[in-house]
Amino acid sequence: MTSAIPTPTSGTNHLVVDSLHVYPLKGAAGFSPRSWSVDERGLRHDRRFMVVDGDGLFISQRTNPRMALIGAAISDAGLRITSAAGTLDVAFPSSSAPTLRATVWDDCFDVRVSDPTASRMLSEVLGVPAQLVWMDDDCERLTSVKRGEPRRHLSLADAAPLLLTTTAALEDLNTRLMRGGSSAIPMDRFRPNVVVRGATAGDDDEWRALRIGSAAFRVSNACKRCKVITIDQSTGEFTGNEPLATLATYRAEGPGVTFGQHLLTEISGMISVGDTVTV
């Protein structure tokens, strides 16, 4: 992609990538590489597999928090799923694999049906009939016009190709949680793709364009959060109203709350832990 973006200017803080997180299976746990390629749909392979019900509607932690107990990584063979039922390697479906119509929020599009053995495993773990599907590179799902033009091809993510958070924002939130008598929470509650270290809490609300490694990004909007951030990712259980209740005291936006920023890729490339983030 060759879209022009504003010329970045260095801020007063030295910003670096603290960690990267790829979630090959939407709603499941992911893995954290040291370096990874990024393209128009986000981190390569991020949220390209998905679990759907009998009507093709996506299953997420919102409706089935046990999704958090499924691990997903990219192996030489394709997708590697790890759960209480065992470990299974799933090949990427071929171009001749059957398709079905899937729905993610307001978007409907065709996806490839994946390994039926994996679907049986996922059904067992989740306790409901489930089918594993995959989005190929030809899928025409696009970001909403509300995120600006030009629109970008989107993965199976809810709204945007990437999510960025900062360690400073989490430290600020945890200070507020503990002051109110609640326990601190880890960053995995927010399921970010890119975590940045070196910022001051709230700095990311002012960011509009970023360069990381050989890639460049546009910040489209703050991420509105839902009840998924109240799920303990290690147990797959809801834990109450926190951190939503505390975020509502200082991160309210309309009826919701925000934490982190959605990114659109302007220039594809490679990004790594330790890379300087230029704003």
C-alpha atoms as a PDB file:
ATOM      1  CA  MET A   1       0.000   0.000   0.000  1.00  0.00           C
ATOM      2  CA  THR A   2       1.301   3.440  -0.832  1.00  0.00           C
ATOM      3  CA  SER A   3      -1.209   5.814   0.795  1.00  0.00           C
ATOM      4  CA  ALA A   4       0.384   8.991   2.065  1.00  0.00           C
ATOM      5  CA  ILE A   5       0.436   9.565   5.809  1.00  0.00           C
ATOM      6  CA  PRO A   6       1.514  12.620   7.811  1.00  0.00           C
ATOM      7  CA  THR A   7       5.258  12.948   8.315  1.00  0.00           C
ATOM      8  CA  PRO A   8       5.941  11.600  11.808  1.00  0.00           C
ATOM      9  CA  THR A   9       7.570  13.805  14.426  1.00  0.00           C
ATOM     10  CA  SER A  10       9.408  12.519  17.475  1.00  0.00           C
ATOM     11  CA  GLY A  11       7.804  13.062  20.861  1.00  0.00           C
ATOM     12  CA  THR A  12       9.585  13.743  24.133  1.00  0.00           C
ATOM     13  CA  ASN A  13       9.307  10.122  25.299  1.00  0.00           C
ATOM     14  CA  HIS A  14      11.216   7.245  23.767  1.00  0.00           C
ATOM     15  CA  LEU A  15       8.515   4.816  22.703  1.00  0.00           C
ATOM     16  CA  VAL A  16       9.278   1.169  21.946  1.00  0.00           C
ATOM     17  CA  VAL A  17       7.303  -1.984  21.212  1.00  0.00           C
ATOM     18  CA  ASP A  18       7.011  -3.898  24.489  1.00  0.00           C
ATOM     19  CA  SER A  19       5.263  -6.985  23.080  1.00  0.00           C
ATOM     20  CA  LEU A  20       3.404  -8.347  20.061  1.00  0.00           C
ATOM     21  CA  HIS A  21       0.374 -10.649  20.166  1.00  0.00           C
ATOM     22  CA  VAL A  22      -1.185 -12.687  17.356  1.00  0.00           C
ATOM     23  CA  TYR A  23      -4.589 -14.376  17.753  1.00  0.00           C
ATOM     24  CA  PRO A  24      -4.984 -16.808  14.825  1.00  0.00           C
ATOM     25  CA  LEU A  25      -8.376 -18.026  16.106  1.00  0.00           C
ATOM     26  CA  LYS A  26     -10.840 -15.246  16.865  1.00  0.00           C
ATOM     27  CA  GLY A  27     -11.691 -15.210  20.575  1.00  0.00           C
ATOM     28  CA  ALA A  28      -9.028 -17.745  21.588  1.00  0.00           C
ATOM     29  CA  ALA A  29      -5.691 -17.194  23.298  1.00  0.00           C
ATOM     30  CA  GLY A  30      -2.833 -16.340  20.956  1.00  0.00           C
ATOM     31  CA  PHE A  31       0.959 -16.283  20.925  1.00  0.00           C
ATOM     32  CA  SER A  32       3.601 -13.589  21.316  1.00  0.00           C
ATOM     33  CA  PRO A  33       6.356 -13.545  18.658  1.00  0.00           C
ATOM     34  CA  ARG A  34       9.462 -11.367  18.811  1.00  0.00           C
ATOM     35  CA  SER A  35       8.975 -10.233  15.195  1.00  0.00           C
ATOM     36  CA  TRP A  36       6.039 -10.514  12.817  1.00  0.00           C
ATOM     37  CA  SER A  37       4.926  -9.214   9.457  1.00  0.00           C
ATOM     38  CA  VAL A  38       1.996  -6.841   9.135  1.00  0.00           C
ATOM     39  CA  ASP A  39      -0.189  -6.251   6.097  1.00  0.00           C
ATOM     40  CA  GLU A  40      -3.476  -4.584   5.254  1.00  0.00           C
ATOM     41  CA  ARG A  41      -5.508  -7.005   7.407  1.00  0.00           C
ATOM     42  CA  GLY A  42      -3.161  -6.580  10.412  1.00  0.00           C
ATOM     43  CA  LEU A  43      -0.577  -8.958  11.833  1.00  0.00           C
ATOM     44  CA  ARG A  44      -0.229 -11.849   9.388  1.00  0.00           C
ATOM     45  CA  HIS A  45      -2.594 -14.739  10.267  1.00  0.00           C
ATOM     46  CA  ASP A  46      -4.237 -12.705  13.039  1.00  0.00           C
ATOM     47  CA  ARG A  47      -7.917 -13.671  13.426  1.00  0.00           C
ATOM     48  CA  ARG A  48      -8.190 -15.512  10.137  1.00  0.00           C
ATOM     49  CA  PHE A  49      -9.775 -18.595  11.739  1.00  0.00           C
ATOM     50  CA  MET A  50     -13.111 -18.360  13.541  1.00  0.00           C
ATOM     51  CA  VAL A  51     -15.662 -20.557  15.286  1.00  0.00           C
ATOM     52  CA  VAL A  52     -19.266 -20.222  14.110  1.00  0.00           C
ATOM     53  CA  ASP A  53     -22.570 -21.779  15.142  1.00  0.00           C
ATOM     54  CA  GLY A  54     -25.032 -23.606  12.896  1.00  0.00           C
ATOM     55  CA  ASP A  55     -26.239 -20.329  11.407  1.00  0.00           C
ATOM     56  CA  GLY A  56     -22.742 -19.085  10.563  1.00  0.00           C
ATOM     57  CA  LEU A  57     -22.770 -16.531  13.419  1.00  0.00           C
ATOM     58  CA  PHE A  58     -19.418 -16.035  15.093  1.00  0.00           C
ATOM     59  CA  ILE A  59     -18.860 -17.400  18.594  1.00  0.00           C
ATOM     60  CA  SER A  60     -16.805 -15.171  20.877  1.00  0.00           C
ATOM     61  CA  GLN A  61     -15.919 -14.837  24.538  1.00  0.00           C
ATOM     62  CA  ARG A  62     -18.943 -12.570  24.960  1.00  0.00           C
ATOM     63  CA  THR A  63     -21.272 -15.534  24.565  1.00  0.00           C
ATOM     64  CA  ASN A  64     -18.881 -18.360  25.431  1.00  0.00           C
ATOM     65  CA  PRO A  65     -16.033 -17.275  27.742  1.00  0.00           C
ATOM     66  CA  ARG A  66     -14.526 -20.762  27.500  1.00  0.00           C
ATOM     67  CA  MET A  67     -13.011 -19.561  24.227  1.00  0.00           C
ATOM     68  CA  ALA A  68     -10.269 -18.104  26.438  1.00  0.00           C
ATOM     69  CA  LEU A  69      -9.173 -21.638  27.373  1.00  0.00           C
ATOM     70  CA  ILE A  70      -8.347 -22.527  23.757  1.00  0.00           C
ATOM     71  CA  GLY A  71      -4.817 -21.761  22.608  1.00  0.00           C
ATOM     72  CA  ALA A  72      -4.029 -21.000  18.973  1.00  0.00           C
ATOM     73  CA  ALA A  73      -0.701 -20.611  17.199  1.00  0.00           C
ATOM     74  CA  ILE A  74       0.675 -20.781  13.675  1.00  0.00           C
ATOM     75  CA  SER A  75       2.729 -23.897  12.925  1.00  0.00           C
ATOM     76  CA  ASP A  76       4.428 -25.186   9.789  1.00  0.00           C
ATOM     77  CA  ALA A  77       1.248 -27.133   9.052  1.00  0.00           C
ATOM     78  CA  GLY A  78      -1.137 -24.219   9.573  1.00  0.00           C
ATOM     79  CA  LEU A  79      -3.135 -23.639  12.758  1.00  0.00           C
ATOM     80  CA  ARG A  80      -2.236 -25.443  15.984  1.00  0.00           C
ATOM     81  CA  ILE A  81      -5.092 -25.633  18.493  1.00  0.00           C
ATOM     82  CA  THR A  82      -4.387 -26.518  22.111  1.00  0.00           C
ATOM     83  CA  SER A  83      -7.123 -27.249  24.650  1.00  0.00           C
ATOM     84  CA  ALA A  84      -8.107 -29.599  27.458  1.00  0.00           C
ATOM     85  CA  ALA A  85      -9.102 -32.033  24.705  1.00  0.00           C
ATOM     86  CA  GLY A  86      -5.543 -32.141  23.327  1.00  0.00           C
ATOM     87  CA  THR A  87      -3.464 -30.545  20.572  1.00  0.00           C
ATOM     88  CA  LEU A  88      -4.454 -30.588  16.922  1.00  0.00           C
ATOM     89  CA  ASP A  89      -2.711 -29.265  13.806  1.00  0.00           C
ATOM     90  CA  VAL A  90      -5.111 -27.912  11.194  1.00  0.00           C
ATOM     91  CA  ALA A  91      -4.031 -27.214   7.620  1.00  0.00           C
ATOM     92  CA  PHE A  92      -5.122 -24.037   5.885  1.00  0.00           C
ATOM     93  CA  PRO A  93      -8.164 -24.946   3.760  1.00  0.00           C
ATOM     94  CA  SER A  94      -7.502 -25.218   0.042  1.00  0.00           C
ATOM     95  CA  SER A  95      -9.157 -23.087  -2.624  1.00  0.00           C
ATOM     96  CA  SER A  96     -11.451 -26.032  -3.328  1.00  0.00           C
ATOM     97  CA  ALA A  97     -12.748 -26.267   0.249  1.00  0.00           C
ATOM     98  CA  PRO A  98     -16.504 -25.606   0.571  1.00  0.00           C
ATOM     99  CA  THR A  99     -17.657 -22.175   1.670  1.00  0.00           C
ATOM    100  CA  LEU A 100     -20.386 -20.942   3.951  1.00  0.00           C
ATOM    101  CA  ARG A 101     -21.865 -17.529   4.700  1.00  0.00           C
ATOM    102  CA  ALA A 102     -20.577 -16.183   8.007  1.00  0.00           C
ATOM    103  CA  THR A 103     -21.672 -13.186  10.057  1.00  0.00           C
ATOM    104  CA  VAL A 104     -19.548 -10.937  12.257  1.00  0.00           C
ATOM    105  CA  TRP A 105     -21.745  -8.161  13.650  1.00  0.00           C
ATOM    106  CA  ASP A 106     -23.225  -6.376  10.592  1.00  0.00           C
ATOM    107  CA  ASP A 107     -20.899  -7.991   8.055  1.00  0.00           C
ATOM    108  CA  CYS A 108     -21.785 -11.103   6.056  1.00  0.00           C
ATOM    109  CA  PHE A 109     -19.191 -12.772   3.831  1.00  0.00           C
ATOM    110  CA  ASP A 110     -17.998 -16.147   2.549  1.00  0.00           C
ATOM    111  CA  VAL A 111     -15.431 -18.195   4.481  1.00  0.00           C
ATOM    112  CA  ARG A 112     -13.853 -21.623   3.883  1.00  0.00           C
ATOM    113  CA  VAL A 113     -14.985 -24.603   5.944  1.00  0.00           C
ATOM    114  CA  SER A 114     -12.058 -26.048   7.882  1.00  0.00           C
ATOM    115  CA  ASP A 115     -11.130 -29.472   9.298  1.00  0.00           C
ATOM    116  CA  PRO A 116     -14.202 -31.287  10.697  1.00  0.00           C
ATOM    117  CA  THR A 117     -11.973 -32.960  13.310  1.00  0.00           C
ATOM    118  CA  ALA A 118     -11.150 -29.514  14.693  1.00  0.00           C
ATOM    119  CA  SER A 119     -14.835 -28.598  14.706  1.00  0.00           C
ATOM    120  CA  ARG A 120     -15.603 -31.680  16.803  1.00  0.00           C
ATOM    121  CA  MET A 121     -12.826 -30.794  19.262  1.00  0.00           C
ATOM    122  CA  LEU A 122     -14.035 -27.207  19.570  1.00  0.00           C
ATOM    123  CA  SER A 123     -17.624 -28.357  20.069  1.00  0.00           C
ATOM    124  CA  GLU A 124     -16.466 -30.578  22.922  1.00  0.00           C
ATOM    125  CA  VAL A 125     -14.476 -27.821  24.618  1.00  0.00           C
ATOM    126  CA  LEU A 126     -17.133 -25.123  24.197  1.00  0.00           C
ATOM    127  CA  GLY A 127     -20.077 -27.336  25.009  1.00  0.00           C
ATOM    128  CA  VAL A 128     -22.055 -26.194  21.952  1.00  0.00           C
ATOM    129  CA  PRO A 129     -22.160 -27.198  18.271  1.00  0.00           C
ATOM    130  CA  ALA A 130     -19.300 -25.323  16.615  1.00  0.00           C
ATOM    131  CA  GLN A 131     -17.641 -25.206  13.206  1.00  0.00           C
ATOM    132  CA  LEU A 132     -14.152 -23.970  12.403  1.00  0.00           C
ATOM    133  CA  VAL A 133     -13.884 -21.680   9.368  1.00  0.00           C
ATOM    134  CA  TRP A 134     -11.107 -19.680   7.711  1.00  0.00           C
ATOM    135  CA  MET A 135     -10.902 -16.400   5.807  1.00  0.00           C
ATOM    136  CA  ASP A 136      -8.761 -16.565   2.670  1.00  0.00           C
ATOM    137  CA  ASP A 137      -6.960 -13.639   1.058  1.00  0.00           C
ATOM    138  CA  ASP A 138      -9.726 -13.169  -1.525  1.00  0.00           C
ATOM    139  CA  CYS A 139     -12.383 -12.260   1.046  1.00  0.00           C
ATOM    140  CA  GLU A 140     -13.698  -8.745   0.405  1.00  0.00           C
ATOM    141  CA  ARG A 141     -14.625  -7.748   3.948  1.00  0.00           C
ATOM    142  CA  LEU A 142     -13.730  -4.059   4.428  1.00  0.00           C
ATOM    143  CA  THR A 143     -13.438  -1.688   7.367  1.00  0.00           C
ATOM    144  CA  SER A 144     -16.420   0.561   8.042  1.00  0.00           C
ATOM    145  CA  VAL A 145     -16.602   3.941   6.315  1.00  0.00           C
ATOM    146  CA  LYS A 146     -16.761   5.386   9.848  1.00  0.00           C
ATOM    147  CA  ARG A 147     -13.052   4.546  10.172  1.00  0.00           C
ATOM    148  CA  GLY A 148     -12.177   6.782   7.263  1.00  0.00           C
ATOM    149  CA  GLU A 149     -11.150   6.485   3.641  1.00  0.00           C
ATOM    150  CA  PRO A 150      -9.592   4.664   2.011  1.00  0.00           C
ATOM    151  CA  ARG A 151     -11.265   1.594   3.506  1.00  0.00           C
ATOM    152  CA  ARG A 152      -9.048  -1.381   4.285  1.00  0.00           C
ATOM    153  CA  HIS A 153      -9.491  -5.126   3.918  1.00  0.00           C
ATOM    154  CA  LEU A 154     -10.328  -6.503   7.338  1.00  0.00           C
ATOM    155  CA  SER A 155      -9.698  -9.859   8.993  1.00  0.00           C
ATOM    156  CA  LEU A 156     -12.271 -11.549  11.224  1.00  0.00           C
ATOM    157  CA  ALA A 157     -11.590  -8.922  13.903  1.00  0.00           C
ATOM    158  CA  ASP A 158     -14.597  -7.049  15.225  1.00  0.00           C
ATOM    159  CA  ALA A 159     -13.766  -3.627  13.820  1.00  0.00           C
ATOM    160  CA  ALA A 160     -10.155  -2.871  12.858  1.00  0.00           C
ATOM    161  CA  PRO A 161      -6.998  -4.697  11.730  1.00  0.00           C
ATOM    162  CA  LEU A 162      -4.911  -3.973  14.845  1.00  0.00           C
ATOM    163  CA  LEU A 163      -5.301  -2.893  18.453  1.00  0.00           C
ATOM    164  CA  LEU A 164      -2.574  -0.930  20.251  1.00  0.00           C
ATOM    165  CA  THR A 165      -2.317  -0.406  24.002  1.00  0.00           C
ATOM    166  CA  THR A 166       0.330   1.134  26.266  1.00  0.00           C
ATOM    167  CA  THR A 167       1.894  -0.147  29.459  1.00  0.00           C
ATOM    168  CA  ALA A 168       1.320   3.306  30.976  1.00  0.00           C
ATOM    169  CA  ALA A 169      -2.445   3.069  30.460  1.00  0.00           C
ATOM    170  CA  LEU A 170      -2.528  -0.314  32.206  1.00  0.00           C
ATOM    171  CA  GLU A 171      -0.389   0.949  35.093  1.00  0.00           C
ATOM    172  CA  ASP A 172      -2.734   3.921  35.510  1.00  0.00           C
ATOM    173  CA  LEU A 173      -5.797   1.655  35.460  1.00  0.00           C
ATOM    174  CA  ASN A 174      -4.272  -0.771  37.968  1.00  0.00           C
ATOM    175  CA  THR A 175      -3.414   2.079  40.332  1.00  0.00           C
ATOM    176  CA  ARG A 176      -7.054   3.163  40.233  1.00  0.00           C
ATOM    177  CA  LEU A 177      -8.307  -0.413  40.672  1.00  0.00           C
ATOM    178  CA  MET A 178      -6.153  -1.042  43.727  1.00  0.00           C
ATOM    179  CA  ARG A 179      -7.046   2.337  45.209  1.00  0.00           C
ATOM    180  CA  GLY A 180     -10.677   1.221  45.014  1.00  0.00           C
ATOM    181  CA  GLY A 181      -9.955  -2.121  46.661  1.00  0.00           C
ATOM    182  CA  SER A 182      -9.855  -4.287  43.521  1.00  0.00           C
ATOM    183  CA  SER A 183      -6.989  -6.412  42.236  1.00  0.00           C
ATOM    184  CA  ALA A 184      -4.665  -5.384  39.433  1.00  0.00           C
ATOM    185  CA  ILE A 185      -5.245  -7.084  36.089  1.00  0.00           C
ATOM    186  CA  PRO A 186      -2.858  -8.199  33.322  1.00  0.00           C
ATOM    187  CA  MET A 187      -2.744  -6.762  29.819  1.00  0.00           C
ATOM    188  CA  ASP A 188      -4.233  -9.935  28.333  1.00  0.00           C
ATOM    189  CA  ARG A 189      -7.699  -8.759  29.451  1.00  0.00           C
ATOM    190  CA  PHE A 190      -7.545  -6.266  26.552  1.00  0.00           C
ATOM    191  CA  ARG A 191      -6.217  -8.675  23.901  1.00  0.00           C
ATOM    192  CA  PRO A 192      -3.934  -6.136  22.171  1.00  0.00           C
ATOM    193  CA  ASN A 193      -1.815  -6.777  19.095  1.00  0.00           C
ATOM    194  CA  VAL A 194       0.865  -4.172  19.840  1.00  0.00           C
ATOM    195  CA  VAL A 195       1.835  -2.997  23.332  1.00  0.00           C
ATOM    196  CA  VAL A 196       3.949   0.162  23.562  1.00  0.00           C
ATOM    197  CA  ARG A 197       6.250   1.074  26.443  1.00  0.00           C
ATOM    198  CA  GLY A 198       7.515   4.581  27.254  1.00  0.00           C
ATOM    199  CA  ALA A 199       4.326   6.614  26.880  1.00  0.00           C
ATOM    200  CA  THR A 200       2.449   8.565  29.517  1.00  0.00           C
ATOM    201  CA  ALA A 201      -1.109   7.454  30.260  1.00  0.00           C
ATOM    202  CA  GLY A 202      -3.458   9.122  27.764  1.00  0.00           C
ATOM    203  CA  ASP A 203      -0.758   9.925  25.194  1.00  0.00           C
ATOM    204  CA  ASP A 204      -2.210   7.439  22.704  1.00  0.00           C
ATOM    205  CA  ASP A 205      -5.463   9.439  22.535  1.00  0.00           C
ATOM    206  CA  GLU A 206      -3.510  12.129  20.671  1.00  0.00           C
ATOM    207  CA  TRP A 207      -1.665   9.853  18.244  1.00  0.00           C
ATOM    208  CA  ARG A 208      -2.769  10.023  14.609  1.00  0.00           C
ATOM    209  CA  ALA A 209       0.036   8.320  12.657  1.00  0.00           C
ATOM    210  CA  LEU A 210       2.778   5.906  13.709  1.00  0.00           C
ATOM    211  CA  ARG A 211       5.851   4.280  12.244  1.00  0.00           C
ATOM    212  CA  ILE A 212       7.054   0.980  13.690  1.00  0.00           C
ATOM    213  CA  GLY A 213       9.869  -0.976  12.070  1.00  0.00           C
ATOM    214  CA  SER A 214       9.316  -0.875   8.319  1.00  0.00           C
ATOM    215  CA  ALA A 215       5.537  -0.432   8.672  1.00  0.00           C
ATOM    216  CA  ALA A 216       3.331   2.643   9.072  1.00  0.00           C
ATOM    217  CA  PHE A 217      -0.109   3.015  10.592  1.00  0.00           C
ATOM    218  CA  ARG A 218      -3.023   5.404  10.920  1.00  0.00           C
ATOM    219  CA  VAL A 219      -4.874   5.617  14.229  1.00  0.00           C
ATOM    220  CA  SER A 220      -8.590   5.435  13.468  1.00  0.00           C
ATOM    221  CA  ASN A 221     -10.249   5.676  16.878  1.00  0.00           C
ATOM    222  CA  ALA A 222     -10.137   4.637  20.531  1.00  0.00           C
ATOM    223  CA  CYS A 223     -11.334   1.078  21.139  1.00  0.00           C
ATOM    224  CA  LYS A 224     -14.673   0.799  22.911  1.00  0.00           C
ATOM    225  CA  ARG A 225     -14.590  -2.041  25.391  1.00  0.00           C
ATOM    226  CA  CYS A 226     -17.189  -4.675  26.271  1.00  0.00           C
ATOM    227  CA  LYS A 227     -17.658  -7.290  28.968  1.00  0.00           C
ATOM    228  CA  VAL A 228     -14.843  -9.447  27.535  1.00  0.00           C
ATOM    229  CA  ILE A 229     -12.381  -7.397  29.613  1.00  0.00           C
ATOM    230  CA  THR A 230     -14.108  -8.735  32.749  1.00  0.00           C
ATOM    231  CA  ILE A 231     -13.144 -12.328  31.815  1.00  0.00           C
ATOM    232  CA  ASP A 232     -10.112 -13.863  33.523  1.00  0.00           C
ATOM    233  CA  GLN A 233      -8.212 -15.184  30.499  1.00  0.00           C
ATOM    234  CA  SER A 234      -6.583 -17.935  32.567  1.00  0.00           C
ATOM    235  CA  THR A 235      -9.872 -19.411  33.840  1.00  0.00           C
ATOM    236  CA  GLY A 236     -12.398 -18.443  31.163  1.00  0.00           C
ATOM    237  CA  GLU A 237     -14.723 -16.990  33.814  1.00  0.00           C
ATOM    238  CA  PHE A 238     -16.396 -13.618  34.297  1.00  0.00           C
ATOM    239  CA  THR A 239     -15.032 -11.827  37.370  1.00  0.00           C
ATOM    240  CA  GLY A 240     -17.615  -9.082  37.997  1.00  0.00           C
ATOM    241  CA  ASN A 241     -17.852  -5.486  36.780  1.00  0.00           C
ATOM    242  CA  GLU A 242     -14.168  -4.605  36.862  1.00  0.00           C
ATOM    243  CA  PRO A 243     -12.353  -3.087  35.115  1.00  0.00           C
ATOM    244  CA  LEU A 244     -15.398  -1.670  33.263  1.00  0.00           C
ATOM    245  CA  ALA A 245     -16.660   0.121  36.369  1.00  0.00           C
ATOM    246  CA  THR A 246     -13.350   1.868  37.039  1.00  0.00           C
ATOM    247  CA  LEU A 247     -12.795   2.749  33.378  1.00  0.00           C
ATOM    248  CA  ALA A 248     -16.225   4.410  33.384  1.00  0.00           C
ATOM    249  CA  THR A 249     -14.964   6.930  35.956  1.00  0.00           C
ATOM    250  CA  TYR A 250     -12.348   8.393  33.611  1.00  0.00           C
ATOM    251  CA  ARG A 251     -12.546   6.747  30.152  1.00  0.00           C
ATOM    252  CA  ALA A 252     -16.249   7.164  29.378  1.00  0.00           C
ATOM    253  CA  GLU A 253     -17.240   7.857  25.769  1.00  0.00           C
ATOM    254  CA  GLY A 254     -20.991   8.089  25.374  1.00  0.00           C
ATOM    255  CA  PRO A 255     -22.560   5.009  26.947  1.00  0.00           C
ATOM    256  CA  GLY A 256     -19.310   3.032  26.714  1.00  0.00           C
ATOM    257  CA  VAL A 257     -15.683   3.162  27.841  1.00  0.00           C
ATOM    258  CA  THR A 258     -12.434   3.060  25.878  1.00  0.00           C
ATOM    259  CA  PHE A 259      -8.986   1.541  26.303  1.00  0.00           C
ATOM    260  CA  GLY A 260      -6.404   1.330  23.514  1.00  0.00           C
ATOM    261  CA  GLN A 261      -6.428   2.492  19.904  1.00  0.00           C
ATOM    262  CA  HIS A 262      -7.487   0.873  16.639  1.00  0.00           C
ATOM    263  CA  LEU A 263      -4.876   1.006  13.876  1.00  0.00           C
ATOM    264  CA  LEU A 264      -5.132   0.801  10.103  1.00  0.00           C
ATOM    265  CA  THR A 265      -2.063  -0.273   8.126  1.00  0.00           C
ATOM    266  CA  GLU A 266      -0.791   2.359   5.701  1.00  0.00           C
ATOM    267  CA  ILE A 267       2.495   0.660   4.753  1.00  0.00           C
ATOM    268  CA  SER A 268       3.010  -3.086   5.179  1.00  0.00           C
ATOM    269  CA  GLY A 269       6.246  -4.337   6.690  1.00  0.00           C
ATOM    270  CA  MET A 270       7.911  -6.093   9.597  1.00  0.00           C
ATOM    271  CA  ILE A 271       7.653  -5.037  13.235  1.00  0.00           C
ATOM    272  CA  SER A 272       9.578  -6.366  16.240  1.00  0.00           C
ATOM    273  CA  VAL A 273       9.711  -6.163  19.994  1.00  0.00           C
ATOM    274  CA  GLY A 274      12.104  -3.336  20.840  1.00  0.00           C
ATOM    275  CA  ASP A 275      11.354  -1.330  17.691  1.00  0.00           C
ATOM    276  CA  THR A 276      11.139   2.422  18.153  1.00  0.00           C
ATOM    277  CA  VAL A 277       7.620   3.795  17.764  1.00  0.00           C
ATOM    278  CA  THR A 278       7.674   7.174  16.038  1.00  0.00           C
ATOM    279  CA  VAL A 279       4.589   9.385  16.403  1.00  0.00           C
END
